Amino acid sequence: MLVFALSLPLWWLGRVTDAQLMPGLSVSALMAFCPMIAALLLVRREHGRTGVKGLLQRSVDFRRIRNMRWYLPILLLAPTISVVVYGVMRALDLPLPLSSTPSPSIAELLAAVPLIPVLLMFAAFFVGAVGEELGWSGYVLAPLQLRWSAVQSGLILGAVTVAWHLVPLLVLHRAPVWIAWWCLYTVAFRILVVWLFNNTGGSVCAVSLFHATLNLSYILFPIHGSYFDMRLGALLLTCAAAVVTTRWGRRDHDRRLADLRQSPPHVATGDARTSVTRVGDTYDRTAHRHLHLAG
């Protein structure tokens, strides 16, 4: 509720002005920092400045990604899906820019990508992703998984983030069908975020990188993402979420629950380095043992 309250002024600003942060990105997108602000306010109340510092440090906790192979899905899954979407659209002769002439091949599109602007956009998207993930993943996700499974936690957070984005989407006059497919796309994305979070030692940096690559892949689609077929994107992302859920979800959840029943974690009252905290600012050896966050 705090995140929604903090977002209200930005929703209003997006409604009364046509200002854009970049083509296709309304000024209301600044609401991405509201989850982080809400989490910091709550952490400050619960754990003081030490908790705030610990949570902020989670934005660069890349050292939690102990197995380098996880960088493959973090950095390549979203671009791969966008490339597949473009390939399928081209094969099916779906609307693309300059549809009256042969549309460029995937190789031609990739060759035309300007490197420096793309890197700058990626940095901007990463900062925005940190603003979201410090709240949704860094603060909420660990305690949420103490009550529900990884998939259920992803569905819950997915539903919340869908509701949170509905006002900006309506302000942008998105078609109801497009919004429906986008909802599926977002819920599938959140399930994948939980999967990556759990298998990278609870790394907020990891899921923020994944979040940033997803947004960048969308905005690099022809005409700032306006030609991105959300139906295909949602179906492909849902298939990816179904694969990881079927392959890893049930096994890891059962193992985690068994360990929790034997030795339930507790909320830190003193040295946050030796226990699991509900703000999720420290995942040490005890946290790994309790939650089996490493894959």
C-alpha atoms as a PDB file:
ATOM      1  CA  MET A   1       0.000   0.000   0.000  1.00  0.00           C
ATOM      2  CA  LEU A   2       2.906   2.336   0.690  1.00  0.00           C
ATOM      3  CA  VAL A   3       4.285   1.714  -2.808  1.00  0.00           C
ATOM      4  CA  PHE A   4       0.906   2.557  -4.342  1.00  0.00           C
ATOM      5  CA  ALA A   5       0.608   5.725  -2.241  1.00  0.00           C
ATOM      6  CA  LEU A   6       4.081   6.893  -3.250  1.00  0.00           C
ATOM      7  CA  SER A   7       3.237   6.245  -6.916  1.00  0.00           C
ATOM      8  CA  LEU A   8       0.101   8.398  -6.979  1.00  0.00           C
ATOM      9  CA  PRO A   9       1.846  11.747  -7.698  1.00  0.00           C
ATOM     10  CA  LEU A  10       3.807  10.205 -10.563  1.00  0.00           C
ATOM     11  CA  TRP A  11       0.668   8.647 -12.027  1.00  0.00           C
ATOM     12  CA  TRP A  12      -0.969  12.079 -11.896  1.00  0.00           C
ATOM     13  CA  LEU A  13       2.069  13.680 -13.545  1.00  0.00           C
ATOM     14  CA  GLY A  14       1.977  11.126 -16.342  1.00  0.00           C
ATOM     15  CA  ARG A  15      -1.713  11.856 -16.822  1.00  0.00           C
ATOM     16  CA  VAL A  16      -1.489  15.658 -17.067  1.00  0.00           C
ATOM     17  CA  THR A  17       1.708  15.925 -19.103  1.00  0.00           C
ATOM     18  CA  ASP A  18       3.110  14.310 -22.219  1.00  0.00           C
ATOM     19  CA  ALA A  19       6.671  14.458 -20.898  1.00  0.00           C
ATOM     20  CA  GLN A  20       8.747  11.368 -21.667  1.00  0.00           C
ATOM     21  CA  LEU A  21      12.013  10.136 -20.173  1.00  0.00           C
ATOM     22  CA  MET A  22      12.852   8.629 -23.571  1.00  0.00           C
ATOM     23  CA  PRO A  23      10.731   7.790 -26.622  1.00  0.00           C
ATOM     24  CA  GLY A  24       7.937   5.483 -25.522  1.00  0.00           C
ATOM     25  CA  LEU A  25       8.707   5.871 -21.804  1.00  0.00           C
ATOM     26  CA  SER A  26       6.359   8.176 -19.891  1.00  0.00           C
ATOM     27  CA  VAL A  27       7.543  10.302 -16.985  1.00  0.00           C
ATOM     28  CA  SER A  28       5.338   8.125 -14.765  1.00  0.00           C
ATOM     29  CA  ALA A  29       8.029   5.445 -15.178  1.00  0.00           C
ATOM     30  CA  LEU A  30       9.837   7.216 -12.325  1.00  0.00           C
ATOM     31  CA  MET A  31       7.499   5.219 -10.092  1.00  0.00           C
ATOM     32  CA  ALA A  32      10.117   2.460 -10.493  1.00  0.00           C
ATOM     33  CA  PHE A  33      11.870   3.964  -7.468  1.00  0.00           C
ATOM     34  CA  CYS A  34       8.788   3.758  -5.234  1.00  0.00           C
ATOM     35  CA  PRO A  35       9.365   0.116  -4.102  1.00  0.00           C
ATOM     36  CA  MET A  36      12.908   1.038  -3.053  1.00  0.00           C
ATOM     37  CA  ILE A  37      11.734   4.149  -1.195  1.00  0.00           C
ATOM     38  CA  ALA A  38       8.987   2.200   0.573  1.00  0.00           C
ATOM     39  CA  ALA A  39      11.431  -0.550   1.574  1.00  0.00           C
ATOM     40  CA  LEU A  40      13.974   1.982   2.858  1.00  0.00           C
ATOM     41  CA  LEU A  41      11.324   3.731   4.950  1.00  0.00           C
ATOM     42  CA  LEU A  42      10.260   0.434   6.515  1.00  0.00           C
ATOM     43  CA  VAL A  43      13.830  -0.739   7.041  1.00  0.00           C
ATOM     44  CA  ARG A  44      14.705   2.577   8.674  1.00  0.00           C
ATOM     45  CA  ARG A  45      11.824   2.143  11.096  1.00  0.00           C
ATOM     46  CA  GLU A  46      12.683  -1.480  11.872  1.00  0.00           C
ATOM     47  CA  HIS A  47      16.505  -1.525  11.793  1.00  0.00           C
ATOM     48  CA  GLY A  48      17.706   2.068  11.650  1.00  0.00           C
ATOM     49  CA  ARG A  49      20.566   3.329   9.518  1.00  0.00           C
ATOM     50  CA  THR A  50      22.360  -0.024   9.592  1.00  0.00           C
ATOM     51  CA  GLY A  51      19.413  -1.699   7.894  1.00  0.00           C
ATOM     52  CA  VAL A  52      19.152   1.078   5.303  1.00  0.00           C
ATOM     53  CA  LYS A  53      22.852   0.757   4.473  1.00  0.00           C
ATOM     54  CA  GLY A  54      22.571  -3.021   4.253  1.00  0.00           C
ATOM     55  CA  LEU A  55      19.609  -2.872   1.903  1.00  0.00           C
ATOM     56  CA  LEU A  56      21.271  -0.310  -0.369  1.00  0.00           C
ATOM     57  CA  GLN A  57      24.380  -2.487  -0.566  1.00  0.00           C
ATOM     58  CA  ARG A  58      22.220  -5.270  -2.016  1.00  0.00           C
ATOM     59  CA  SER A  59      22.029  -3.308  -5.279  1.00  0.00           C
ATOM     60  CA  VAL A  60      25.637  -4.320  -6.063  1.00  0.00           C
ATOM     61  CA  ASP A  61      25.754  -7.741  -4.397  1.00  0.00           C
ATOM     62  CA  PHE A  62      27.076  -9.440  -7.549  1.00  0.00           C
ATOM     63  CA  ARG A  63      29.466 -11.506  -5.425  1.00  0.00           C
ATOM     64  CA  ARG A  64      26.489 -13.626  -4.405  1.00  0.00           C
ATOM     65  CA  ILE A  65      26.426 -15.002  -7.957  1.00  0.00           C
ATOM     66  CA  ARG A  66      28.966 -17.694  -7.154  1.00  0.00           C
ATOM     67  CA  ASN A  67      28.340 -19.766 -10.275  1.00  0.00           C
ATOM     68  CA  MET A  68      29.160 -17.728 -13.365  1.00  0.00           C
ATOM     69  CA  ARG A  69      26.833 -19.821 -15.529  1.00  0.00           C
ATOM     70  CA  TRP A  70      23.893 -17.901 -14.103  1.00  0.00           C
ATOM     71  CA  TYR A  71      24.979 -14.858 -16.078  1.00  0.00           C
ATOM     72  CA  LEU A  72      23.780 -16.691 -19.183  1.00  0.00           C
ATOM     73  CA  PRO A  73      20.046 -16.553 -18.341  1.00  0.00           C
ATOM     74  CA  ILE A  74      20.473 -13.213 -16.551  1.00  0.00           C
ATOM     75  CA  LEU A  75      21.885 -11.446 -19.606  1.00  0.00           C
ATOM     76  CA  LEU A  76      20.767 -13.571 -22.567  1.00  0.00           C
ATOM     77  CA  LEU A  77      17.276 -14.931 -21.852  1.00  0.00           C
ATOM     78  CA  ALA A  78      15.376 -11.689 -22.505  1.00  0.00           C
ATOM     79  CA  PRO A  79      17.310 -10.730 -25.681  1.00  0.00           C
ATOM     80  CA  THR A  80      16.855 -14.261 -26.992  1.00  0.00           C
ATOM     81  CA  ILE A  81      13.099 -14.024 -26.533  1.00  0.00           C
ATOM     82  CA  SER A  82      13.006 -10.691 -28.379  1.00  0.00           C
ATOM     83  CA  VAL A  83      15.045 -12.139 -31.244  1.00  0.00           C
ATOM     84  CA  VAL A  84      12.701 -15.135 -31.457  1.00  0.00           C
ATOM     85  CA  VAL A  85       9.660 -12.840 -31.415  1.00  0.00           C
ATOM     86  CA  TYR A  86      11.116 -10.826 -34.292  1.00  0.00           C
ATOM     87  CA  GLY A  87      11.986 -13.972 -36.235  1.00  0.00           C
ATOM     88  CA  VAL A  88       8.497 -15.403 -35.834  1.00  0.00           C
ATOM     89  CA  MET A  89       6.878 -12.087 -36.811  1.00  0.00           C
ATOM     90  CA  ARG A  90       9.054 -11.918 -39.911  1.00  0.00           C
ATOM     91  CA  ALA A  91       8.308 -15.543 -40.822  1.00  0.00           C
ATOM     92  CA  LEU A  92       4.562 -15.055 -40.391  1.00  0.00           C
ATOM     93  CA  ASP A  93       4.622 -11.722 -42.232  1.00  0.00           C
ATOM     94  CA  LEU A  94       3.173  -9.895 -39.226  1.00  0.00           C
ATOM     95  CA  PRO A  95       3.245  -6.066 -39.196  1.00  0.00           C
ATOM     96  CA  LEU A  96       6.760  -4.646 -38.989  1.00  0.00           C
ATOM     97  CA  PRO A  97       8.214  -1.263 -39.980  1.00  0.00           C
ATOM     98  CA  LEU A  98       8.457  -0.783 -43.729  1.00  0.00           C
ATOM     99  CA  SER A  99       6.253  -3.833 -44.240  1.00  0.00           C
ATOM    100  CA  SER A 100       5.837  -2.913 -47.908  1.00  0.00           C
ATOM    101  CA  THR A 101       9.523  -3.723 -48.435  1.00  0.00           C
ATOM    102  CA  PRO A 102      11.508  -6.757 -47.217  1.00  0.00           C
ATOM    103  CA  SER A 103      12.042  -6.287 -43.482  1.00  0.00           C
ATOM    104  CA  PRO A 104      15.675  -6.411 -42.298  1.00  0.00           C
ATOM    105  CA  SER A 105      17.023  -9.712 -41.081  1.00  0.00           C
ATOM    106  CA  ILE A 106      17.924 -10.298 -37.443  1.00  0.00           C
ATOM    107  CA  ALA A 107      21.634 -10.053 -38.300  1.00  0.00           C
ATOM    108  CA  GLU A 108      21.078  -6.718 -40.060  1.00  0.00           C
ATOM    109  CA  LEU A 109      19.169  -5.371 -37.065  1.00  0.00           C
ATOM    110  CA  LEU A 110      21.875  -6.417 -34.617  1.00  0.00           C
ATOM    111  CA  ALA A 111      24.577  -4.900 -36.822  1.00  0.00           C
ATOM    112  CA  ALA A 112      22.713  -1.577 -36.835  1.00  0.00           C
ATOM    113  CA  VAL A 113      22.497  -1.302 -33.041  1.00  0.00           C
ATOM    114  CA  PRO A 114      24.492   1.761 -31.855  1.00  0.00           C
ATOM    115  CA  LEU A 115      26.697   0.468 -29.023  1.00  0.00           C
ATOM    116  CA  ILE A 116      27.247   3.589 -26.897  1.00  0.00           C
ATOM    117  CA  PRO A 117      23.578   4.695 -26.740  1.00  0.00           C
ATOM    118  CA  VAL A 118      22.563   1.108 -25.963  1.00  0.00           C
ATOM    119  CA  LEU A 119      25.031   0.902 -23.084  1.00  0.00           C
ATOM    120  CA  LEU A 120      23.756   4.208 -21.711  1.00  0.00           C
ATOM    121  CA  MET A 121      20.173   2.982 -21.961  1.00  0.00           C
ATOM    122  CA  PHE A 122      21.138  -0.256 -20.238  1.00  0.00           C
ATOM    123  CA  ALA A 123      22.718   1.704 -17.373  1.00  0.00           C
ATOM    124  CA  ALA A 124      19.551   3.779 -17.026  1.00  0.00           C
ATOM    125  CA  PHE A 125      17.344   0.691 -17.075  1.00  0.00           C
ATOM    126  CA  PHE A 126      19.581  -0.979 -14.485  1.00  0.00           C
ATOM    127  CA  VAL A 127      19.183   1.962 -12.108  1.00  0.00           C
ATOM    128  CA  GLY A 128      15.413   1.802 -12.565  1.00  0.00           C
ATOM    129  CA  ALA A 129      15.426  -1.968 -12.076  1.00  0.00           C
ATOM    130  CA  VAL A 130      17.361  -1.565  -8.816  1.00  0.00           C
ATOM    131  CA  GLY A 131      14.667   0.872  -7.708  1.00  0.00           C
ATOM    132  CA  GLU A 132      12.069  -1.858  -8.152  1.00  0.00           C
ATOM    133  CA  GLU A 133      14.026  -4.922  -7.093  1.00  0.00           C
ATOM    134  CA  LEU A 134      15.395  -3.522  -3.828  1.00  0.00           C
ATOM    135  CA  GLY A 135      11.753  -3.420  -2.773  1.00  0.00           C
ATOM    136  CA  TRP A 136      10.134  -6.424  -4.461  1.00  0.00           C
ATOM    137  CA  SER A 137      13.110  -8.805  -4.191  1.00  0.00           C
ATOM    138  CA  GLY A 138      15.427  -7.358  -1.557  1.00  0.00           C
ATOM    139  CA  TYR A 139      12.722  -6.594   0.999  1.00  0.00           C
ATOM    140  CA  VAL A 140       9.678  -8.718   0.200  1.00  0.00           C
ATOM    141  CA  LEU A 141      10.752 -11.933  -1.468  1.00  0.00           C
ATOM    142  CA  ALA A 142      12.642 -13.779   1.282  1.00  0.00           C
ATOM    143  CA  PRO A 143       9.934 -13.522   3.979  1.00  0.00           C
ATOM    144  CA  LEU A 144       7.279 -14.222   1.343  1.00  0.00           C
ATOM    145  CA  GLN A 145       8.955 -17.556   0.587  1.00  0.00           C
ATOM    146  CA  LEU A 146       8.885 -18.512   4.246  1.00  0.00           C
ATOM    147  CA  ARG A 147       5.106 -18.847   3.870  1.00  0.00           C
ATOM    148  CA  TRP A 148       4.589 -19.740   0.210  1.00  0.00           C
ATOM    149  CA  SER A 149       6.475 -21.667  -2.444  1.00  0.00           C
ATOM    150  CA  ALA A 150       8.731 -19.976  -4.960  1.00  0.00           C
ATOM    151  CA  VAL A 151       6.067 -20.217  -7.675  1.00  0.00           C
ATOM    152  CA  GLN A 152       3.318 -18.936  -5.384  1.00  0.00           C
ATOM    153  CA  SER A 153       5.559 -16.072  -4.294  1.00  0.00           C
ATOM    154  CA  GLY A 154       6.178 -15.223  -7.941  1.00  0.00           C
ATOM    155  CA  LEU A 155       2.452 -15.281  -8.675  1.00  0.00           C
ATOM    156  CA  ILE A 156       1.695 -13.029  -5.682  1.00  0.00           C
ATOM    157  CA  LEU A 157       4.374 -10.477  -6.565  1.00  0.00           C
ATOM    158  CA  GLY A 158       3.391 -10.733 -10.214  1.00  0.00           C
ATOM    159  CA  ALA A 159      -0.221  -9.887  -9.388  1.00  0.00           C
ATOM    160  CA  VAL A 160       0.861  -6.939  -7.240  1.00  0.00           C
ATOM    161  CA  THR A 161       3.161  -5.510  -9.903  1.00  0.00           C
ATOM    162  CA  VAL A 162       0.470  -5.971 -12.560  1.00  0.00           C
ATOM    163  CA  ALA A 163      -1.990  -3.960 -10.457  1.00  0.00           C
ATOM    164  CA  TRP A 164       0.710  -1.361  -9.807  1.00  0.00           C
ATOM    165  CA  HIS A 165       1.320  -0.841 -13.554  1.00  0.00           C
ATOM    166  CA  LEU A 166      -2.309  -0.729 -14.656  1.00  0.00           C
ATOM    167  CA  VAL A 167      -2.788   3.018 -14.151  1.00  0.00           C
ATOM    168  CA  PRO A 168       0.221   4.020 -16.318  1.00  0.00           C
ATOM    169  CA  LEU A 169      -0.869   1.562 -19.009  1.00  0.00           C
ATOM    170  CA  LEU A 170      -4.358   3.024 -19.057  1.00  0.00           C
ATOM    171  CA  VAL A 171      -2.917   6.545 -19.181  1.00  0.00           C
ATOM    172  CA  LEU A 172      -0.936   5.488 -22.253  1.00  0.00           C
ATOM    173  CA  HIS A 173      -4.218   4.242 -23.800  1.00  0.00           C
ATOM    174  CA  ARG A 174      -3.030   0.691 -24.263  1.00  0.00           C
ATOM    175  CA  ALA A 175      -5.621  -1.627 -25.810  1.00  0.00           C
ATOM    176  CA  PRO A 176      -7.330  -4.030 -23.358  1.00  0.00           C
ATOM    177  CA  VAL A 177      -6.104  -7.072 -25.322  1.00  0.00           C
ATOM    178  CA  TRP A 178      -2.524  -5.795 -25.218  1.00  0.00           C
ATOM    179  CA  ILE A 179      -2.816  -5.204 -21.456  1.00  0.00           C
ATOM    180  CA  ALA A 180      -4.147  -8.733 -20.935  1.00  0.00           C
ATOM    181  CA  TRP A 181      -1.164 -10.261 -22.723  1.00  0.00           C
ATOM    182  CA  TRP A 182       1.171  -7.895 -20.885  1.00  0.00           C
ATOM    183  CA  CYS A 183      -0.249  -9.133 -17.562  1.00  0.00           C
ATOM    184  CA  LEU A 184       0.696 -12.705 -18.474  1.00  0.00           C
ATOM    185  CA  TYR A 185       4.105 -11.459 -19.631  1.00  0.00           C
ATOM    186  CA  THR A 186       4.703  -9.684 -16.301  1.00  0.00           C
ATOM    187  CA  VAL A 187       3.622 -12.592 -14.092  1.00  0.00           C
ATOM    188  CA  ALA A 188       5.875 -14.980 -16.051  1.00  0.00           C
ATOM    189  CA  PHE A 189       8.724 -12.493 -15.718  1.00  0.00           C
ATOM    190  CA  ARG A 190       8.251 -12.328 -11.940  1.00  0.00           C
ATOM    191  CA  ILE A 191       8.353 -16.138 -11.651  1.00  0.00           C
ATOM    192  CA  LEU A 192      11.656 -16.095 -13.537  1.00  0.00           C
ATOM    193  CA  VAL A 193      12.925 -13.363 -11.202  1.00  0.00           C
ATOM    194  CA  VAL A 194      12.193 -15.577  -8.180  1.00  0.00           C
ATOM    195  CA  TRP A 195      14.000 -18.482  -9.868  1.00  0.00           C
ATOM    196  CA  LEU A 196      17.087 -16.359 -10.543  1.00  0.00           C
ATOM    197  CA  PHE A 197      16.991 -14.799  -7.090  1.00  0.00           C
ATOM    198  CA  ASN A 198      16.898 -18.189  -5.380  1.00  0.00           C
ATOM    199  CA  ASN A 199      19.709 -19.610  -7.491  1.00  0.00           C
ATOM    200  CA  THR A 200      22.096 -16.650  -7.189  1.00  0.00           C
ATOM    201  CA  GLY A 201      22.280 -16.494  -3.413  1.00  0.00           C
ATOM    202  CA  GLY A 202      19.480 -13.966  -3.145  1.00  0.00           C
ATOM    203  CA  SER A 203      21.266 -11.449  -5.373  1.00  0.00           C
ATOM    204  CA  VAL A 204      19.330  -8.256  -6.006  1.00  0.00           C
ATOM    205  CA  CYS A 205      22.009  -7.263  -8.506  1.00  0.00           C
ATOM    206  CA  ALA A 206      21.317 -10.443 -10.516  1.00  0.00           C
ATOM    207  CA  VAL A 207      17.575  -9.880 -10.813  1.00  0.00           C
ATOM    208  CA  SER A 208      18.121  -6.169 -11.509  1.00  0.00           C
ATOM    209  CA  LEU A 209      20.397  -7.070 -14.429  1.00  0.00           C
ATOM    210  CA  PHE A 210      17.753  -9.467 -15.729  1.00  0.00           C
ATOM    211  CA  HIS A 211      15.068  -6.802 -15.306  1.00  0.00           C
ATOM    212  CA  ALA A 212      17.215  -4.261 -17.164  1.00  0.00           C
ATOM    213  CA  THR A 213      17.922  -6.619 -20.077  1.00  0.00           C
ATOM    214  CA  LEU A 214      14.194  -7.318 -20.424  1.00  0.00           C
ATOM    215  CA  ASN A 215      13.349  -3.607 -20.619  1.00  0.00           C
ATOM    216  CA  LEU A 216      16.254  -2.910 -22.970  1.00  0.00           C
ATOM    217  CA  SER A 217      15.282  -5.782 -25.275  1.00  0.00           C
ATOM    218  CA  TYR A 218      11.766  -4.381 -25.484  1.00  0.00           C
ATOM    219  CA  ILE A 219      12.790  -0.770 -26.171  1.00  0.00           C
ATOM    220  CA  LEU A 220      15.278  -1.883 -28.872  1.00  0.00           C
ATOM    221  CA  PHE A 221      12.522  -3.636 -30.781  1.00  0.00           C
ATOM    222  CA  PRO A 222      11.592  -1.675 -33.937  1.00  0.00           C
ATOM    223  CA  ILE A 223      10.198   1.808 -33.243  1.00  0.00           C
ATOM    224  CA  HIS A 224      10.942   1.745 -29.506  1.00  0.00           C
ATOM    225  CA  GLY A 225       9.043  -1.471 -28.895  1.00  0.00           C
ATOM    226  CA  SER A 226       5.828  -0.349 -30.559  1.00  0.00           C
ATOM    227  CA  TYR A 227       5.986  -3.305 -32.971  1.00  0.00           C
ATOM    228  CA  PHE A 228       6.744  -5.869 -30.275  1.00  0.00           C
ATOM    229  CA  ASP A 229       4.072  -8.593 -30.478  1.00  0.00           C
ATOM    230  CA  MET A 230       3.058  -8.925 -26.830  1.00  0.00           C
ATOM    231  CA  ARG A 231       1.171 -12.149 -27.532  1.00  0.00           C
ATOM    232  CA  LEU A 232       4.308 -13.906 -28.710  1.00  0.00           C
ATOM    233  CA  GLY A 233       6.423 -12.349 -25.972  1.00  0.00           C
ATOM    234  CA  ALA A 234       3.992 -13.421 -23.260  1.00  0.00           C
ATOM    235  CA  LEU A 235       3.732 -16.981 -24.581  1.00  0.00           C
ATOM    236  CA  LEU A 236       7.500 -17.392 -24.880  1.00  0.00           C
ATOM    237  CA  LEU A 237       8.193 -15.943 -21.430  1.00  0.00           C
ATOM    238  CA  THR A 238       5.444 -18.137 -19.956  1.00  0.00           C
ATOM    239  CA  CYS A 239       7.021 -21.204 -21.568  1.00  0.00           C
ATOM    240  CA  ALA A 240      10.363 -20.260 -20.017  1.00  0.00           C
ATOM    241  CA  ALA A 241       8.711 -19.841 -16.595  1.00  0.00           C
ATOM    242  CA  ALA A 242       6.930 -23.190 -16.993  1.00  0.00           C
ATOM    243  CA  VAL A 243      10.206 -24.936 -17.851  1.00  0.00           C
ATOM    244  CA  VAL A 244      12.085 -23.639 -14.806  1.00  0.00           C
ATOM    245  CA  THR A 245       9.087 -24.306 -12.565  1.00  0.00           C
ATOM    246  CA  THR A 246       8.719 -27.883 -13.784  1.00  0.00           C
ATOM    247  CA  ARG A 247      12.438 -28.585 -13.790  1.00  0.00           C
ATOM    248  CA  TRP A 248      13.503 -26.942 -10.523  1.00  0.00           C
ATOM    249  CA  GLY A 249      10.571 -25.513  -8.592  1.00  0.00           C
ATOM    250  CA  ARG A 250       8.979 -28.445  -6.745  1.00  0.00           C
ATOM    251  CA  ARG A 251      12.246 -30.140  -5.795  1.00  0.00           C
ATOM    252  CA  ASP A 252      13.848 -27.008  -4.361  1.00  0.00           C
ATOM    253  CA  HIS A 253      10.664 -26.003  -2.551  1.00  0.00           C
ATOM    254  CA  ASP A 254      10.287 -29.378  -0.815  1.00  0.00           C
ATOM    255  CA  ARG A 255      13.935 -29.331   0.247  1.00  0.00           C
ATOM    256  CA  ARG A 256      13.638 -25.768   1.557  1.00  0.00           C
ATOM    257  CA  LEU A 257      10.461 -26.512   3.538  1.00  0.00           C
ATOM    258  CA  ALA A 258      12.017 -29.559   5.184  1.00  0.00           C
ATOM    259  CA  ASP A 259      14.986 -27.493   6.330  1.00  0.00           C
ATOM    260  CA  LEU A 260      12.778 -24.673   7.598  1.00  0.00           C
ATOM    261  CA  ARG A 261      10.717 -27.066   9.724  1.00  0.00           C
ATOM    262  CA  GLN A 262      13.869 -28.391  11.379  1.00  0.00           C
ATOM    263  CA  SER A 263      15.451 -25.005  12.035  1.00  0.00           C
ATOM    264  CA  PRO A 264      13.150 -22.044  11.379  1.00  0.00           C
ATOM    265  CA  PRO A 265      14.873 -18.717  10.790  1.00  0.00           C
ATOM    266  CA  HIS A 266      14.302 -15.771  13.068  1.00  0.00           C
ATOM    267  CA  VAL A 267      14.236 -12.028  12.728  1.00  0.00           C
ATOM    268  CA  ALA A 268      17.518 -10.404  13.584  1.00  0.00           C
ATOM    269  CA  THR A 269      17.525  -8.305  16.722  1.00  0.00           C
ATOM    270  CA  GLY A 270      21.237  -7.582  16.960  1.00  0.00           C
ATOM    271  CA  ASP A 271      24.011  -8.654  14.634  1.00  0.00           C
ATOM    272  CA  ALA A 272      22.304  -9.021  11.269  1.00  0.00           C
ATOM    273  CA  ARG A 273      25.285 -11.001   9.956  1.00  0.00           C
ATOM    274  CA  THR A 274      24.337 -14.145  11.870  1.00  0.00           C
ATOM    275  CA  SER A 275      20.640 -14.547  11.096  1.00  0.00           C
ATOM    276  CA  VAL A 276      17.950 -14.197   8.479  1.00  0.00           C
ATOM    277  CA  THR A 277      16.239 -10.815   8.551  1.00  0.00           C
ATOM    278  CA  ARG A 278      12.853  -9.924   7.133  1.00  0.00           C
ATOM    279  CA  VAL A 279      14.349  -6.961   5.309  1.00  0.00           C
ATOM    280  CA  GLY A 280      16.547  -9.366   3.369  1.00  0.00           C
ATOM    281  CA  ASP A 281      19.660  -7.221   3.748  1.00  0.00           C
ATOM    282  CA  THR A 282      21.956 -10.100   4.759  1.00  0.00           C
ATOM    283  CA  TYR A 283      22.103 -13.576   3.301  1.00  0.00           C
ATOM    284  CA  ASP A 284      25.060 -15.193   5.026  1.00  0.00           C
ATOM    285  CA  ARG A 285      25.862 -18.873   5.532  1.00  0.00           C
ATOM    286  CA  THR A 286      22.926 -19.217   7.937  1.00  0.00           C
ATOM    287  CA  ALA A 287      20.521 -17.827   5.375  1.00  0.00           C
ATOM    288  CA  HIS A 288      21.844 -20.156   2.699  1.00  0.00           C
ATOM    289  CA  ARG A 289      21.396 -23.067   5.056  1.00  0.00           C
ATOM    290  CA  HIS A 290      17.841 -22.062   5.961  1.00  0.00           C
ATOM    291  CA  LEU A 291      16.496 -21.030   2.577  1.00  0.00           C
ATOM    292  CA  HIS A 292      18.670 -23.053   0.139  1.00  0.00           C
ATOM    293  CA  LEU A 293      18.968 -20.015  -2.045  1.00  0.00           C
ATOM    294  CA  ALA A 294      21.961 -21.452  -3.885  1.00  0.00           C
ATOM    295  CA  GLY A 295      20.918 -23.699  -6.772  1.00  0.00           C
END
